Amino acid sequence: MNKLSIKLLSVLAIILFVALIPIAVFATNDNLSVVSTTITDAEGNTKTEYIIYIKDYTDKKFKYALSNNANPEVMDLVYINSITDLGENQVAFIDADTYEKLSNQAIYMWAKDENENLILKGIQLDLTKSISKEKIDSVESITKRISVEIADTEEAAEKTEPIREEDVNGVKEIAKVGYIKITDSKDATYYYQRVKTSDSTEFDTLMKLAEQINNEYNNLDMYQKVQTAEEFYNLYSKLVQEAKWQEVENMTINQPEQSTKDDKYVVLLKKVDGEQEVVDVQFLTAYEDYKPNVVIEEKVTQETTRLPITYDSIALIIILAIIVIALIIVFVRMKKVSKKNAEK
């Protein structure tokens, strides 16, 4: 047997050996939404507990098992029943005591449905990537932290003060735009960053997530809600940290005059009141009447009951008189010709 054959046999032997060994699936937090909550025990110590939502199983009962062993014997896994959270969703729950026992090593999770079919097999949990309940609550409070008034309807447009009025070639142009008017404390200082979504992929994604939360959030299951809230929170926090702030003047942030219908803007807001800072965000869509954000009013000149006499009108009278005279001459000649023919 030559050396090449020996090498091939060795490789095949290794592949067969590996295939026969049970291997855990290390897909960290795959198909899971993990929410952390903080509790205080009787002795005043702060501890953390975890609520785990499994994709497609928030409304179905299941059993789950936890272990520090990536490849335990089947008989070593102790399955417990899922429980319901306050919203009647089925969840796996890691209480503070269980977490303390398992937290020194990697934690793996298995789950079965009611028919004993495996739905999770050896998923390694990364609890550091969980989202806290406080962060989810903060997402649900977005756009409500700093009080504002937004002009984005026809009625509001009628009340909008012009940002520019000027005469252009005898026409009075009045420029009106949508706005965000801050109605919060007048004692604080406010800052903002306004970004058109078409100019930034990240701000466009934030706008779409905000629209999804606004329009679909109540219809999502808890797994989807946590996923959406986490994605929004992480992106929003990143954009706030990178924001290039400029101070708000007259408590008003105007929509750009050159904006057209359906242009979308994300407006990050920051309120500074002494040592206290509050950050928020608003979303503005250009209204149709703001295209091109110029309302044109024609200037009306003074009118009289008589038309003014001009050189053009005199010329027209002369031409008309010549035509009439020519017609009379033609008519007379035709009469004479007719008379001669009759005499013959």
C-alpha atoms as a PDB file:
ATOM      1  CA  MET A   1       0.000   0.000   0.000  1.00  0.00           C
ATOM      2  CA  ASN A   2       1.547   3.313  -1.033  1.00  0.00           C
ATOM      3  CA  LYS A   3       1.854   6.404   1.179  1.00  0.00           C
ATOM      4  CA  LEU A   4      -1.022   8.233  -0.570  1.00  0.00           C
ATOM      5  CA  SER A   5      -3.448   5.382   0.201  1.00  0.00           C
ATOM      6  CA  ILE A   6      -2.362   5.344   3.841  1.00  0.00           C
ATOM      7  CA  LYS A   7      -2.998   9.102   4.142  1.00  0.00           C
ATOM      8  CA  LEU A   8      -6.456   8.774   2.576  1.00  0.00           C
ATOM      9  CA  LEU A   9      -7.398   5.959   4.957  1.00  0.00           C
ATOM     10  CA  SER A  10      -6.190   8.031   7.909  1.00  0.00           C
ATOM     11  CA  VAL A  11      -8.327  10.990   6.847  1.00  0.00           C
ATOM     12  CA  LEU A  12     -11.403   8.769   6.423  1.00  0.00           C
ATOM     13  CA  ALA A  13     -10.847   7.250   9.850  1.00  0.00           C
ATOM     14  CA  ILE A  14     -10.710  10.723  11.452  1.00  0.00           C
ATOM     15  CA  ILE A  15     -13.924  11.795   9.655  1.00  0.00           C
ATOM     16  CA  LEU A  16     -15.772   8.665  10.826  1.00  0.00           C
ATOM     17  CA  PHE A  17     -14.488   9.144  14.373  1.00  0.00           C
ATOM     18  CA  VAL A  18     -15.682  12.767  14.497  1.00  0.00           C
ATOM     19  CA  ALA A  19     -19.041  11.849  12.990  1.00  0.00           C
ATOM     20  CA  LEU A  20     -19.708   9.331  15.759  1.00  0.00           C
ATOM     21  CA  ILE A  21     -19.065  11.843  18.567  1.00  0.00           C
ATOM     22  CA  PRO A  22     -22.197  13.775  19.720  1.00  0.00           C
ATOM     23  CA  ILE A  23     -21.496  17.474  19.174  1.00  0.00           C
ATOM     24  CA  ALA A  24     -23.446  20.361  20.761  1.00  0.00           C
ATOM     25  CA  VAL A  25     -24.668  23.115  18.462  1.00  0.00           C
ATOM     26  CA  PHE A  26     -22.799  26.289  19.419  1.00  0.00           C
ATOM     27  CA  ALA A  27     -25.224  28.739  17.800  1.00  0.00           C
ATOM     28  CA  THR A  28     -25.169  31.398  20.506  1.00  0.00           C
ATOM     29  CA  ASN A  29     -28.672  32.735  21.263  1.00  0.00           C
ATOM     30  CA  ASP A  30     -29.880  31.386  17.912  1.00  0.00           C
ATOM     31  CA  ASN A  31     -33.697  31.707  17.665  1.00  0.00           C
ATOM     32  CA  LEU A  32     -33.808  33.117  21.186  1.00  0.00           C
ATOM     33  CA  SER A  33     -34.727  36.500  22.652  1.00  0.00           C
ATOM     34  CA  VAL A  34     -33.267  36.982  26.124  1.00  0.00           C
ATOM     35  CA  VAL A  35     -34.451  39.658  28.552  1.00  0.00           C
ATOM     36  CA  SER A  36     -32.632  40.350  31.809  1.00  0.00           C
ATOM     37  CA  THR A  37     -34.292  41.682  34.954  1.00  0.00           C
ATOM     38  CA  THR A  38     -32.676  42.925  38.139  1.00  0.00           C
ATOM     39  CA  ILE A  39     -33.988  41.998  41.575  1.00  0.00           C
ATOM     40  CA  THR A  40     -32.938  42.820  45.121  1.00  0.00           C
ATOM     41  CA  ASP A  41     -32.954  39.987  47.668  1.00  0.00           C
ATOM     42  CA  ALA A  42     -33.904  40.205  51.339  1.00  0.00           C
ATOM     43  CA  GLU A  43     -30.350  41.152  52.258  1.00  0.00           C
ATOM     44  CA  GLY A  44     -30.256  44.042  49.804  1.00  0.00           C
ATOM     45  CA  ASN A  45     -28.051  42.283  47.242  1.00  0.00           C
ATOM     46  CA  THR A  46     -28.711  42.938  43.561  1.00  0.00           C
ATOM     47  CA  LYS A  47     -29.155  39.844  41.416  1.00  0.00           C
ATOM     48  CA  THR A  48     -30.017  39.144  37.809  1.00  0.00           C
ATOM     49  CA  GLU A  49     -32.627  36.818  36.364  1.00  0.00           C
ATOM     50  CA  TYR A  50     -33.270  35.935  32.729  1.00  0.00           C
ATOM     51  CA  ILE A  51     -36.428  35.382  30.674  1.00  0.00           C
ATOM     52  CA  ILE A  52     -35.913  33.460  27.421  1.00  0.00           C
ATOM     53  CA  TYR A  53     -38.376  33.542  24.513  1.00  0.00           C
ATOM     54  CA  ILE A  54     -38.041  30.839  21.836  1.00  0.00           C
ATOM     55  CA  LYS A  55     -38.934  31.725  18.257  1.00  0.00           C
ATOM     56  CA  ASP A  56     -42.379  30.359  17.279  1.00  0.00           C
ATOM     57  CA  TYR A  57     -42.982  29.036  20.813  1.00  0.00           C
ATOM     58  CA  THR A  58     -44.173  32.085  22.741  1.00  0.00           C
ATOM     59  CA  ASP A  59     -47.710  30.697  22.523  1.00  0.00           C
ATOM     60  CA  LYS A  60     -46.837  26.990  22.905  1.00  0.00           C
ATOM     61  CA  LYS A  61     -45.802  25.067  26.009  1.00  0.00           C
ATOM     62  CA  PHE A  62     -42.390  23.415  25.978  1.00  0.00           C
ATOM     63  CA  LYS A  63     -39.806  21.843  28.275  1.00  0.00           C
ATOM     64  CA  TYR A  64     -36.225  22.997  28.662  1.00  0.00           C
ATOM     65  CA  ALA A  65     -32.993  21.884  30.317  1.00  0.00           C
ATOM     66  CA  LEU A  66     -29.805  23.755  31.247  1.00  0.00           C
ATOM     67  CA  SER A  67     -26.302  22.418  31.727  1.00  0.00           C
ATOM     68  CA  ASN A  68     -22.644  23.428  31.864  1.00  0.00           C
ATOM     69  CA  ASN A  69     -21.822  20.274  29.903  1.00  0.00           C
ATOM     70  CA  ALA A  70     -21.838  20.770  26.136  1.00  0.00           C
ATOM     71  CA  ASN A  71     -22.329  17.027  25.470  1.00  0.00           C
ATOM     72  CA  PRO A  72     -24.179  15.497  28.423  1.00  0.00           C
ATOM     73  CA  GLU A  73     -25.755  12.068  28.484  1.00  0.00           C
ATOM     74  CA  VAL A  74     -29.435  12.236  27.604  1.00  0.00           C
ATOM     75  CA  MET A  75     -30.353  10.879  31.043  1.00  0.00           C
ATOM     76  CA  ASP A  76     -28.362  13.648  32.748  1.00  0.00           C
ATOM     77  CA  LEU A  77     -30.567  16.413  31.376  1.00  0.00           C
ATOM     78  CA  VAL A  78     -33.371  17.477  33.696  1.00  0.00           C
ATOM     79  CA  TYR A  79     -36.225  19.105  31.767  1.00  0.00           C
ATOM     80  CA  ILE A  80     -38.634  21.522  33.421  1.00  0.00           C
ATOM     81  CA  ASN A  81     -41.846  23.005  32.085  1.00  0.00           C
ATOM     82  CA  SER A  82     -42.021  26.474  30.570  1.00  0.00           C
ATOM     83  CA  ILE A  83     -43.899  29.132  32.526  1.00  0.00           C
ATOM     84  CA  THR A  84     -45.887  32.205  31.503  1.00  0.00           C
ATOM     85  CA  ASP A  85     -44.750  35.789  31.875  1.00  0.00           C
ATOM     86  CA  LEU A  86     -47.086  38.665  32.742  1.00  0.00           C
ATOM     87  CA  GLY A  87     -48.208  38.788  29.120  1.00  0.00           C
ATOM     88  CA  GLU A  88     -49.149  35.086  29.088  1.00  0.00           C
ATOM     89  CA  ASN A  89     -46.168  34.227  26.868  1.00  0.00           C
ATOM     90  CA  GLN A  90     -44.439  30.858  27.340  1.00  0.00           C
ATOM     91  CA  VAL A  91     -40.866  31.360  28.521  1.00  0.00           C
ATOM     92  CA  ALA A  92     -37.835  29.580  29.905  1.00  0.00           C
ATOM     93  CA  PHE A  93     -36.843  31.211  33.183  1.00  0.00           C
ATOM     94  CA  ILE A  94     -33.406  31.294  34.800  1.00  0.00           C
ATOM     95  CA  ASP A  95     -33.843  32.515  38.359  1.00  0.00           C
ATOM     96  CA  ALA A  96     -31.058  34.180  40.300  1.00  0.00           C
ATOM     97  CA  ASP A  97     -30.057  31.029  42.239  1.00  0.00           C
ATOM     98  CA  THR A  98     -29.886  28.835  39.125  1.00  0.00           C
ATOM     99  CA  TYR A  99     -27.839  31.478  37.341  1.00  0.00           C
ATOM    100  CA  GLU A 100     -25.363  31.684  40.234  1.00  0.00           C
ATOM    101  CA  LYS A 101     -24.865  27.908  40.136  1.00  0.00           C
ATOM    102  CA  LEU A 102     -24.249  27.826  36.381  1.00  0.00           C
ATOM    103  CA  SER A 103     -22.584  31.188  35.729  1.00  0.00           C
ATOM    104  CA  ASN A 104     -18.988  30.089  36.373  1.00  0.00           C
ATOM    105  CA  GLN A 105     -18.965  28.135  33.108  1.00  0.00           C
ATOM    106  CA  ALA A 106     -20.628  28.249  29.710  1.00  0.00           C
ATOM    107  CA  ILE A 107     -24.364  27.535  29.868  1.00  0.00           C
ATOM    108  CA  TYR A 108     -26.078  25.304  27.286  1.00  0.00           C
ATOM    109  CA  MET A 109     -29.787  24.911  26.674  1.00  0.00           C
ATOM    110  CA  TRP A 110     -32.020  22.176  25.252  1.00  0.00           C
ATOM    111  CA  ALA A 111     -35.771  22.368  24.635  1.00  0.00           C
ATOM    112  CA  LYS A 112     -38.546  19.964  23.585  1.00  0.00           C
ATOM    113  CA  ASP A 113     -42.086  20.571  22.442  1.00  0.00           C
ATOM    114  CA  GLU A 114     -45.080  18.862  24.033  1.00  0.00           C
ATOM    115  CA  ASN A 115     -44.544  15.843  21.772  1.00  0.00           C
ATOM    116  CA  GLU A 116     -40.965  15.380  23.026  1.00  0.00           C
ATOM    117  CA  ASN A 117     -39.464  16.651  19.758  1.00  0.00           C
ATOM    118  CA  LEU A 118     -36.209  18.563  20.191  1.00  0.00           C
ATOM    119  CA  ILE A 119     -36.535  22.212  19.207  1.00  0.00           C
ATOM    120  CA  LEU A 120     -33.212  23.352  20.699  1.00  0.00           C
ATOM    121  CA  LYS A 121     -30.123  21.190  21.026  1.00  0.00           C
ATOM    122  CA  GLY A 122     -27.093  22.354  22.966  1.00  0.00           C
ATOM    123  CA  ILE A 123     -27.509  26.076  22.266  1.00  0.00           C
ATOM    124  CA  GLN A 124     -24.790  28.001  24.069  1.00  0.00           C
ATOM    125  CA  LEU A 125     -26.332  30.978  25.817  1.00  0.00           C
ATOM    126  CA  ASP A 126     -24.592  34.333  25.738  1.00  0.00           C
ATOM    127  CA  LEU A 127     -26.436  36.118  28.499  1.00  0.00           C
ATOM    128  CA  THR A 128     -24.176  39.153  28.165  1.00  0.00           C
ATOM    129  CA  LYS A 129     -26.064  39.921  24.943  1.00  0.00           C
ATOM    130  CA  SER A 130     -29.452  40.010  26.632  1.00  0.00           C
ATOM    131  CA  ILE A 131     -31.458  43.211  26.645  1.00  0.00           C
ATOM    132  CA  SER A 132     -32.661  44.560  29.965  1.00  0.00           C
ATOM    133  CA  LYS A 133     -36.307  45.210  30.664  1.00  0.00           C
ATOM    134  CA  GLU A 134     -35.378  48.858  31.351  1.00  0.00           C
ATOM    135  CA  LYS A 135     -34.023  49.218  27.808  1.00  0.00           C
ATOM    136  CA  ILE A 136     -37.198  47.756  26.323  1.00  0.00           C
ATOM    137  CA  ASP A 137     -39.235  50.210  28.401  1.00  0.00           C
ATOM    138  CA  SER A 138     -37.022  53.054  27.161  1.00  0.00           C
ATOM    139  CA  VAL A 139     -37.705  52.088  23.528  1.00  0.00           C
ATOM    140  CA  GLU A 140     -41.432  52.246  24.226  1.00  0.00           C
ATOM    141  CA  SER A 141     -40.970  55.774  25.654  1.00  0.00           C
ATOM    142  CA  ILE A 142     -39.143  57.061  22.580  1.00  0.00           C
ATOM    143  CA  THR A 143     -40.577  60.346  21.125  1.00  0.00           C
ATOM    144  CA  LYS A 144     -42.296  61.036  24.475  1.00  0.00           C
ATOM    145  CA  ARG A 145     -39.340  62.194  26.600  1.00  0.00           C
ATOM    146  CA  ILE A 146     -39.151  65.758  25.281  1.00  0.00           C
ATOM    147  CA  SER A 147     -42.507  67.426  24.613  1.00  0.00           C
ATOM    148  CA  VAL A 148     -42.890  68.729  21.062  1.00  0.00           C
ATOM    149  CA  GLU A 149     -45.484  69.892  18.570  1.00  0.00           C
ATOM    150  CA  ILE A 150     -45.061  68.673  14.994  1.00  0.00           C
ATOM    151  CA  ALA A 151     -46.558  70.401  11.926  1.00  0.00           C
ATOM    152  CA  ASP A 152     -47.149  67.559   9.502  1.00  0.00           C
ATOM    153  CA  THR A 153     -50.819  67.897   8.520  1.00  0.00           C
ATOM    154  CA  GLU A 154     -52.800  70.215   6.225  1.00  0.00           C
ATOM    155  CA  GLU A 155     -54.384  71.942   9.209  1.00  0.00           C
ATOM    156  CA  ALA A 156     -50.993  72.502  10.816  1.00  0.00           C
ATOM    157  CA  ALA A 157     -49.601  73.753   7.516  1.00  0.00           C
ATOM    158  CA  GLU A 158     -52.209  76.510   7.387  1.00  0.00           C
ATOM    159  CA  LYS A 159     -50.992  77.761  10.785  1.00  0.00           C
ATOM    160  CA  THR A 160     -47.312  77.551   9.885  1.00  0.00           C
ATOM    161  CA  GLU A 161     -45.456  80.865   9.941  1.00  0.00           C
ATOM    162  CA  PRO A 162     -43.556  81.688   6.727  1.00  0.00           C
ATOM    163  CA  ILE A 163     -39.786  81.314   6.895  1.00  0.00           C
ATOM    164  CA  ARG A 164     -39.307  83.529   3.822  1.00  0.00           C
ATOM    165  CA  GLU A 165     -41.317  86.187   1.985  1.00  0.00           C
ATOM    166  CA  GLU A 166     -39.921  87.983  -1.059  1.00  0.00           C
ATOM    167  CA  ASP A 167     -40.832  89.399  -4.467  1.00  0.00           C
ATOM    168  CA  VAL A 168     -39.450  87.415  -7.400  1.00  0.00           C
ATOM    169  CA  ASN A 169     -40.114  88.937 -10.858  1.00  0.00           C
ATOM    170  CA  GLY A 170     -43.281  90.620  -9.678  1.00  0.00           C
ATOM    171  CA  VAL A 171     -44.531  87.522  -7.849  1.00  0.00           C
ATOM    172  CA  LYS A 172     -44.742  87.302  -4.085  1.00  0.00           C
ATOM    173  CA  GLU A 173     -43.268  84.017  -2.864  1.00  0.00           C
ATOM    174  CA  ILE A 174     -44.137  82.775   0.613  1.00  0.00           C
ATOM    175  CA  ALA A 175     -42.041  79.811   1.785  1.00  0.00           C
ATOM    176  CA  LYS A 176     -43.587  77.572   4.444  1.00  0.00           C
ATOM    177  CA  VAL A 177     -42.146  74.360   5.861  1.00  0.00           C
ATOM    178  CA  GLY A 178     -43.020  71.730   8.434  1.00  0.00           C
ATOM    179  CA  TYR A 179     -41.410  72.024  11.837  1.00  0.00           C
ATOM    180  CA  ILE A 180     -40.815  70.484  15.222  1.00  0.00           C
ATOM    181  CA  LYS A 181     -41.587  72.976  17.948  1.00  0.00           C
ATOM    182  CA  ILE A 182     -40.293  72.163  21.418  1.00  0.00           C
ATOM    183  CA  THR A 183     -42.975  72.745  24.046  1.00  0.00           C
ATOM    184  CA  ASP A 184     -40.943  71.432  26.977  1.00  0.00           C
ATOM    185  CA  SER A 185     -39.302  73.545  29.704  1.00  0.00           C
ATOM    186  CA  LYS A 186     -38.177  76.954  28.480  1.00  0.00           C
ATOM    187  CA  ASP A 187     -35.448  77.014  31.120  1.00  0.00           C
ATOM    188  CA  ALA A 188     -33.494  74.209  29.453  1.00  0.00           C
ATOM    189  CA  THR A 189     -31.161  74.354  26.449  1.00  0.00           C
ATOM    190  CA  TYR A 190     -31.919  72.113  23.487  1.00  0.00           C
ATOM    191  CA  TYR A 191     -29.756  70.613  20.783  1.00  0.00           C
ATOM    192  CA  TYR A 192     -30.548  68.641  17.658  1.00  0.00           C
ATOM    193  CA  GLN A 193     -29.225  66.766  14.660  1.00  0.00           C
ATOM    194  CA  ARG A 194     -31.490  66.499  11.610  1.00  0.00           C
ATOM    195  CA  VAL A 195     -30.688  63.854   8.985  1.00  0.00           C
ATOM    196  CA  LYS A 196     -32.533  63.034   5.775  1.00  0.00           C
ATOM    197  CA  THR A 197     -32.990  59.268   5.651  1.00  0.00           C
ATOM    198  CA  SER A 198     -31.995  59.030   1.986  1.00  0.00           C
ATOM    199  CA  ASP A 199     -28.585  60.440   2.967  1.00  0.00           C
ATOM    200  CA  SER A 200     -27.825  57.784   5.585  1.00  0.00           C
ATOM    201  CA  THR A 201     -28.394  54.026   5.618  1.00  0.00           C
ATOM    202  CA  GLU A 202     -28.316  53.915   9.420  1.00  0.00           C
ATOM    203  CA  PHE A 203     -30.843  56.715   9.867  1.00  0.00           C
ATOM    204  CA  ASP A 204     -33.028  55.140   7.182  1.00  0.00           C
ATOM    205  CA  THR A 205     -32.944  51.837   9.115  1.00  0.00           C
ATOM    206  CA  LEU A 206     -33.834  53.661  12.335  1.00  0.00           C
ATOM    207  CA  MET A 207     -36.816  55.316  10.608  1.00  0.00           C
ATOM    208  CA  LYS A 208     -38.059  51.967   9.279  1.00  0.00           C
ATOM    209  CA  LEU A 209     -37.723  50.354  12.700  1.00  0.00           C
ATOM    210  CA  ALA A 210     -39.630  53.251  14.250  1.00  0.00           C
ATOM    211  CA  GLU A 211     -42.404  52.842  11.659  1.00  0.00           C
ATOM    212  CA  GLN A 212     -42.508  49.119  12.362  1.00  0.00           C
ATOM    213  CA  ILE A 213     -42.787  49.721  16.098  1.00  0.00           C
ATOM    214  CA  ASN A 214     -45.491  52.319  15.530  1.00  0.00           C
ATOM    215  CA  ASN A 215     -47.549  50.274  13.057  1.00  0.00           C
ATOM    216  CA  GLU A 216     -46.896  46.618  13.881  1.00  0.00           C
ATOM    217  CA  TYR A 217     -45.531  46.382  17.420  1.00  0.00           C
ATOM    218  CA  ASN A 218     -48.814  45.402  19.064  1.00  0.00           C
ATOM    219  CA  ASN A 219     -49.282  42.568  16.548  1.00  0.00           C
ATOM    220  CA  LEU A 220     -45.814  41.049  17.053  1.00  0.00           C
ATOM    221  CA  ASP A 221     -45.242  38.137  19.413  1.00  0.00           C
ATOM    222  CA  MET A 222     -42.921  38.687  22.354  1.00  0.00           C
ATOM    223  CA  TYR A 223     -39.929  37.074  20.641  1.00  0.00           C
ATOM    224  CA  GLN A 224     -40.299  39.529  17.735  1.00  0.00           C
ATOM    225  CA  LYS A 225     -40.908  42.493  20.049  1.00  0.00           C
ATOM    226  CA  VAL A 226     -37.685  41.843  21.935  1.00  0.00           C
ATOM    227  CA  GLN A 227     -35.726  41.413  18.685  1.00  0.00           C
ATOM    228  CA  THR A 228     -37.133  44.642  17.234  1.00  0.00           C
ATOM    229  CA  ALA A 229     -36.663  46.632  20.444  1.00  0.00           C
ATOM    230  CA  GLU A 230     -33.082  45.415  20.797  1.00  0.00           C
ATOM    231  CA  GLU A 231     -32.213  46.311  17.205  1.00  0.00           C
ATOM    232  CA  PHE A 232     -33.764  49.763  17.576  1.00  0.00           C
ATOM    233  CA  TYR A 233     -32.120  50.446  20.955  1.00  0.00           C
ATOM    234  CA  ASN A 234     -28.627  49.449  19.805  1.00  0.00           C
ATOM    235  CA  LEU A 235     -28.792  51.534  16.618  1.00  0.00           C
ATOM    236  CA  TYR A 236     -30.417  54.510  18.341  1.00  0.00           C
ATOM    237  CA  SER A 237     -27.775  54.499  21.110  1.00  0.00           C
ATOM    238  CA  LYS A 238     -24.980  54.381  18.522  1.00  0.00           C
ATOM    239  CA  LEU A 239     -26.384  57.329  16.548  1.00  0.00           C
ATOM    240  CA  VAL A 240     -26.881  59.396  19.712  1.00  0.00           C
ATOM    241  CA  GLN A 241     -23.262  58.808  20.734  1.00  0.00           C
ATOM    242  CA  GLU A 242     -22.041  59.889  17.300  1.00  0.00           C
ATOM    243  CA  ALA A 243     -24.427  62.850  16.953  1.00  0.00           C
ATOM    244  CA  LYS A 244     -23.121  66.238  15.830  1.00  0.00           C
ATOM    245  CA  TRP A 245     -25.270  68.521  17.952  1.00  0.00           C
ATOM    246  CA  GLN A 246     -26.255  72.080  17.124  1.00  0.00           C
ATOM    247  CA  GLU A 247     -28.270  74.366  19.355  1.00  0.00           C
ATOM    248  CA  VAL A 248     -31.981  74.842  18.709  1.00  0.00           C
ATOM    249  CA  GLU A 249     -33.031  78.434  18.009  1.00  0.00           C
ATOM    250  CA  ASN A 250     -36.413  79.812  19.057  1.00  0.00           C
ATOM    251  CA  MET A 251     -37.447  76.347  20.301  1.00  0.00           C
ATOM    252  CA  THR A 252     -38.121  75.369  16.662  1.00  0.00           C
ATOM    253  CA  ILE A 253     -36.469  72.992  14.183  1.00  0.00           C
ATOM    254  CA  ASN A 254     -37.631  73.644  10.622  1.00  0.00           C
ATOM    255  CA  GLN A 255     -37.891  71.126   7.865  1.00  0.00           C
ATOM    256  CA  PRO A 256     -35.459  72.109   5.051  1.00  0.00           C
ATOM    257  CA  GLU A 257     -37.129  74.407   2.523  1.00  0.00           C
ATOM    258  CA  GLN A 258     -35.943  72.319  -0.449  1.00  0.00           C
ATOM    259  CA  SER A 259     -37.627  69.160   0.839  1.00  0.00           C
ATOM    260  CA  THR A 260     -40.368  67.560  -1.250  1.00  0.00           C
ATOM    261  CA  LYS A 261     -43.329  65.294  -0.595  1.00  0.00           C
ATOM    262  CA  ASP A 262     -42.534  62.142   1.423  1.00  0.00           C
ATOM    263  CA  ASP A 263     -38.971  63.173   2.238  1.00  0.00           C
ATOM    264  CA  LYS A 264     -38.247  61.691   5.657  1.00  0.00           C
ATOM    265  CA  TYR A 265     -36.098  63.133   8.421  1.00  0.00           C
ATOM    266  CA  VAL A 266     -34.828  61.731  11.702  1.00  0.00           C
ATOM    267  CA  VAL A 267     -34.316  64.451  14.291  1.00  0.00           C
ATOM    268  CA  LEU A 268     -32.249  63.566  17.353  1.00  0.00           C
ATOM    269  CA  LEU A 269     -32.981  65.821  20.326  1.00  0.00           C
ATOM    270  CA  LYS A 270     -31.072  66.574  23.503  1.00  0.00           C
ATOM    271  CA  LYS A 271     -32.320  68.564  26.491  1.00  0.00           C
ATOM    272  CA  VAL A 272     -29.784  69.985  28.935  1.00  0.00           C
ATOM    273  CA  ASP A 273     -31.148  71.330  32.209  1.00  0.00           C
ATOM    274  CA  GLY A 274     -28.318  71.930  34.636  1.00  0.00           C
ATOM    275  CA  GLU A 275     -26.561  68.596  35.076  1.00  0.00           C
ATOM    276  CA  GLN A 276     -29.536  66.634  33.778  1.00  0.00           C
ATOM    277  CA  GLU A 277     -29.577  65.455  30.173  1.00  0.00           C
ATOM    278  CA  VAL A 278     -32.497  63.870  28.326  1.00  0.00           C
ATOM    279  CA  VAL A 279     -32.138  62.428  24.832  1.00  0.00           C
ATOM    280  CA  ASP A 280     -35.023  61.710  22.472  1.00  0.00           C
ATOM    281  CA  VAL A 281     -35.815  61.412  18.768  1.00  0.00           C
ATOM    282  CA  GLN A 282     -38.591  62.549  16.443  1.00  0.00           C
ATOM    283  CA  PHE A 283     -39.501  61.473  12.920  1.00  0.00           C
ATOM    284  CA  LEU A 284     -40.721  63.980  10.319  1.00  0.00           C
ATOM    285  CA  THR A 285     -42.241  63.278   6.890  1.00  0.00           C
ATOM    286  CA  ALA A 286     -42.567  66.139   4.395  1.00  0.00           C
ATOM    287  CA  TYR A 287     -46.191  67.070   3.722  1.00  0.00           C
ATOM    288  CA  GLU A 288     -47.471  67.470   0.146  1.00  0.00           C
ATOM    289  CA  ASP A 289     -48.255  71.186   0.551  1.00  0.00           C
ATOM    290  CA  TYR A 290     -44.564  71.786   1.216  1.00  0.00           C
ATOM    291  CA  LYS A 291     -43.661  70.890  -2.385  1.00  0.00           C
ATOM    292  CA  PRO A 292     -41.682  72.861  -3.323  1.00  0.00           C
ATOM    293  CA  ASN A 293     -42.451  74.565  -0.029  1.00  0.00           C
ATOM    294  CA  VAL A 294     -43.358  77.787  -1.780  1.00  0.00           C
ATOM    295  CA  VAL A 295     -46.898  79.180  -1.854  1.00  0.00           C
ATOM    296  CA  ILE A 296     -47.158  81.677  -4.733  1.00  0.00           C
ATOM    297  CA  GLU A 297     -49.492  84.669  -4.508  1.00  0.00           C
ATOM    298  CA  GLU A 298     -49.936  86.764  -7.691  1.00  0.00           C
ATOM    299  CA  LYS A 299     -49.713  90.529  -7.314  1.00  0.00           C
ATOM    300  CA  VAL A 300     -53.021  92.188  -8.347  1.00  0.00           C
ATOM    301  CA  THR A 301     -52.656  95.521 -10.194  1.00  0.00           C
ATOM    302  CA  GLN A 302     -55.297  98.295 -10.048  1.00  0.00           C
ATOM    303  CA  GLU A 303     -57.942  97.828 -12.770  1.00  0.00           C
ATOM    304  CA  THR A 304     -60.034 100.577 -14.535  1.00  0.00           C
ATOM    305  CA  THR A 305     -63.337 100.316 -16.457  1.00  0.00           C
ATOM    306  CA  ARG A 306     -61.745 101.617 -19.700  1.00  0.00           C
ATOM    307  CA  LEU A 307     -58.866 100.073 -21.566  1.00  0.00           C
ATOM    308  CA  PRO A 308     -55.940 102.457 -21.991  1.00  0.00           C
ATOM    309  CA  ILE A 309     -55.307 103.799 -25.522  1.00  0.00           C
ATOM    310  CA  THR A 310     -51.954 102.645 -26.825  1.00  0.00           C
ATOM    311  CA  TYR A 311     -50.103 102.944 -30.163  1.00  0.00           C
ATOM    312  CA  ASP A 312     -50.946  99.308 -30.882  1.00  0.00           C
ATOM    313  CA  SER A 313     -54.694 100.025 -30.619  1.00  0.00           C
ATOM    314  CA  ILE A 314     -54.450 103.115 -32.994  1.00  0.00           C
ATOM    315  CA  ALA A 315     -52.659 100.997 -35.600  1.00  0.00           C
ATOM    316  CA  LEU A 316     -55.385  98.406 -35.418  1.00  0.00           C
ATOM    317  CA  ILE A 317     -58.071 101.125 -36.028  1.00  0.00           C
ATOM    318  CA  ILE A 318     -56.235 102.436 -39.106  1.00  0.00           C
ATOM    319  CA  ILE A 319     -55.864  98.929 -40.572  1.00  0.00           C
ATOM    320  CA  LEU A 320     -59.542  98.261 -39.972  1.00  0.00           C
ATOM    321  CA  ALA A 321     -60.520 101.547 -41.732  1.00  0.00           C
ATOM    322  CA  ILE A 322     -58.375 100.637 -44.788  1.00  0.00           C
ATOM    323  CA  ILE A 323     -60.019  97.230 -44.998  1.00  0.00           C
ATOM    324  CA  VAL A 324     -63.507  98.809 -44.864  1.00  0.00           C
ATOM    325  CA  ILE A 325     -62.645 101.329 -47.641  1.00  0.00           C
ATOM    326  CA  ALA A 326     -61.222  98.542 -49.807  1.00  0.00           C
ATOM    327  CA  LEU A 327     -64.404  96.523 -49.370  1.00  0.00           C
ATOM    328  CA  ILE A 328     -66.539  99.567 -50.409  1.00  0.00           C
ATOM    329  CA  ILE A 329     -64.457 100.097 -53.593  1.00  0.00           C
ATOM    330  CA  VAL A 330     -64.773  96.432 -54.508  1.00  0.00           C
ATOM    331  CA  PHE A 331     -68.499  96.558 -53.929  1.00  0.00           C
ATOM    332  CA  VAL A 332     -68.925  99.680 -56.173  1.00  0.00           C
ATOM    333  CA  ARG A 333     -66.891  98.134 -59.032  1.00  0.00           C
ATOM    334  CA  MET A 334     -68.972  94.954 -58.857  1.00  0.00           C
ATOM    335  CA  LYS A 335     -72.160  97.055 -59.194  1.00  0.00           C
ATOM    336  CA  LYS A 336     -70.827  98.847 -62.292  1.00  0.00           C
ATOM    337  CA  VAL A 337     -69.837  95.604 -63.964  1.00  0.00           C
ATOM    338  CA  SER A 338     -73.287  94.121 -63.292  1.00  0.00           C
ATOM    339  CA  LYS A 339     -75.004  97.200 -64.773  1.00  0.00           C
ATOM    340  CA  LYS A 340     -73.003  97.055 -68.046  1.00  0.00           C
ATOM    341  CA  ASN A 341     -73.784  93.380 -68.480  1.00  0.00           C
ATOM    342  CA  ALA A 342     -77.502  94.105 -68.014  1.00  0.00           C
ATOM    343  CA  GLU A 343     -77.474  96.873 -70.736  1.00  0.00           C
ATOM    344  CA  LYS A 344     -76.024  94.472 -73.325  1.00  0.00           C
END
